Amino acid sequence: MIVYGIPNCNTVKKSLDWLKSHQIDFEFHDFKKKGITVEKLNEWCNIFGWETVLNRKGLTWKKLSKDEQAAIDTKEKAIAYLAENMSAIKRPIIEKNGKATLISFDEERYAQTLG
């Protein structure tokens, strides 16, 4: 299992704490250090929808003008933006058995999906 995120994100910290407390093994992929491919972003957008993968609550998004935000209105534009601004990816994203299965942190969904 791979957990994608950035270590200083509170939501990622909650997720990692939950996984550790449930003794679930995982590999952590810090995408600020290791990067994320356009192919991986495309895969996540196909699974969760680009509107979900794009974190509109974070500071990176909020720094954009209303016009800049409005211009990101397709999956292709979102992926191009996220490839350049990885802090705007909703996190964490968890891949289990090579397939993205969870995005963000919800204790109930984690329990259902990861046991």
Protein backbone atom coordinates (compact mmCIF):
# COMPACT_ATOMS: atom_id res chain seq x y z
CA MET A 1 0.00 0.00 0.00
CA ILE A 2 1.25 3.48 -0.88
CA VAL A 3 0.12 6.69 0.80
CA TYR A 4 0.67 9.76 -1.39
CA GLY A 5 0.85 13.16 0.28
CA ILE A 6 3.04 15.72 1.97
CA PRO A 7 4.19 15.16 5.56
CA ASN A 8 3.25 18.56 7.00
CA CYS A 9 -0.43 18.29 5.93
CA ASN A 10 -2.80 17.79 8.90
CA THR A 11 -5.08 15.48 6.92
CA VAL A 12 -2.10 13.33 5.92
CA LYS A 13 -0.96 13.22 9.56
CA LYS A 14 -4.42 12.03 10.66
CA SER A 15 -4.36 9.35 7.97
CA LEU A 16 -0.88 8.13 8.87
CA ASP A 17 -1.75 8.08 12.59
CA TRP A 18 -4.87 6.02 11.82
CA LEU A 19 -2.88 3.53 9.71
CA LYS A 20 -0.19 3.19 12.38
CA SER A 21 -2.75 2.75 15.19
CA HIS A 22 -4.37 -0.05 13.15
CA GLN A 23 -0.96 -1.60 12.43
CA ILE A 24 -1.37 -1.31 8.68
CA ASP A 25 1.87 -1.37 6.73
CA PHE A 26 2.36 1.31 4.10
CA GLU A 27 4.96 3.13 2.07
CA PHE A 28 4.82 6.93 2.17
CA HIS A 29 5.35 8.84 -1.10
CA ASP A 30 6.08 12.52 -0.46
CA PHE A 31 5.08 14.03 -3.79
CA LYS A 32 6.71 17.36 -2.97
CA LYS A 33 10.07 15.51 -2.88
CA LYS A 34 9.49 12.58 -5.24
CA GLY A 35 7.05 14.25 -7.63
CA ILE A 36 3.96 12.87 -9.36
CA THR A 37 3.66 11.99 -13.02
CA VAL A 38 0.98 13.34 -15.32
CA GLU A 39 0.02 9.71 -15.91
CA LYS A 40 -0.59 9.20 -12.17
CA LEU A 41 -2.64 12.41 -11.96
CA ASN A 42 -4.68 11.26 -14.95
CA GLU A 43 -5.27 7.88 -13.31
CA TRP A 44 -6.45 9.53 -10.06
CA CYS A 45 -8.71 11.92 -11.96
CA ASN A 46 -10.26 8.99 -13.82
CA ILE A 47 -10.96 7.20 -10.51
CA PHE A 48 -12.06 10.09 -8.27
CA GLY A 49 -12.92 12.83 -10.79
CA TRP A 50 -10.67 15.85 -11.38
CA GLU A 51 -12.98 18.04 -9.29
CA THR A 52 -12.22 15.84 -6.28
CA VAL A 53 -8.45 15.55 -6.87
CA LEU A 54 -8.16 19.35 -7.14
CA ASN A 55 -8.01 20.71 -3.58
CA ARG A 56 -9.98 23.94 -3.66
CA LYS A 57 -9.76 24.45 0.11
CA GLY A 58 -5.99 24.84 0.27
CA LEU A 59 -3.84 27.93 0.21
CA THR A 60 -2.30 27.07 -3.18
CA TRP A 61 -5.74 27.28 -4.83
CA LYS A 62 -6.84 30.31 -2.84
CA LYS A 63 -3.78 32.26 -4.00
CA LEU A 64 -5.13 32.14 -7.55
CA SER A 65 -7.31 34.96 -8.80
CA LYS A 66 -10.99 34.20 -9.47
CA ASP A 67 -10.23 34.36 -13.21
CA GLU A 68 -7.34 31.88 -12.86
CA GLN A 69 -9.55 29.55 -10.84
CA ALA A 70 -12.38 29.80 -13.36
CA ALA A 71 -9.98 28.95 -16.21
CA ILE A 72 -9.28 25.51 -14.67
CA ASP A 73 -12.49 23.99 -15.94
CA THR A 74 -11.51 20.68 -17.55
CA LYS A 75 -9.67 17.54 -16.52
CA GLU A 76 -6.79 18.41 -18.85
CA LYS A 77 -6.38 21.91 -17.40
CA ALA A 78 -6.63 20.57 -13.86
CA ILE A 79 -3.95 17.95 -14.50
CA ALA A 80 -1.63 20.56 -16.05
CA TYR A 81 -2.18 22.82 -13.02
CA LEU A 82 -1.67 19.98 -10.51
CA ALA A 83 1.51 18.80 -12.23
CA GLU A 84 2.98 22.27 -11.65
CA ASN A 85 1.36 22.85 -8.22
CA MET A 86 1.44 19.56 -6.34
CA SER A 87 0.32 21.26 -3.12
CA ALA A 88 -3.09 21.63 -4.78
CA ILE A 89 -3.62 17.85 -4.92
CA LYS A 90 -6.18 16.67 -2.36
CA ARG A 91 -4.41 14.38 0.03
CA PRO A 92 -3.69 11.80 1.04
CA ILE A 93 -4.37 9.41 -1.80
CA ILE A 94 -4.02 5.76 -0.90
CA GLU A 95 -3.27 3.05 -3.42
CA LYS A 96 -3.95 -0.52 -2.41
CA ASN A 97 -2.80 -3.34 -4.68
CA GLY A 98 -1.73 -0.79 -7.30
CA LYS A 99 -5.11 0.98 -7.51
CA ALA A 100 -6.12 4.28 -5.91
CA THR A 101 -8.87 3.46 -3.43
CA LEU A 102 -9.11 6.37 -0.97
CA ILE A 103 -8.72 10.14 -1.13
CA SER A 104 -8.60 12.50 1.86
CA PHE A 105 -9.31 11.08 5.33
CA ASP A 106 -12.56 9.70 6.60
CA GLU A 107 -12.23 7.29 9.51
CA GLU A 108 -15.37 5.33 8.61
CA ARG A 109 -14.32 4.83 4.98
CA TYR A 110 -10.81 3.84 6.09
CA ALA A 111 -12.26 1.22 8.44
CA GLN A 112 -14.55 -0.15 5.70
CA THR A 113 -11.86 -0.19 3.00
CA LEU A 114 -8.75 -1.08 4.97
CA GLY A 115 -10.22 -3.08 7.83
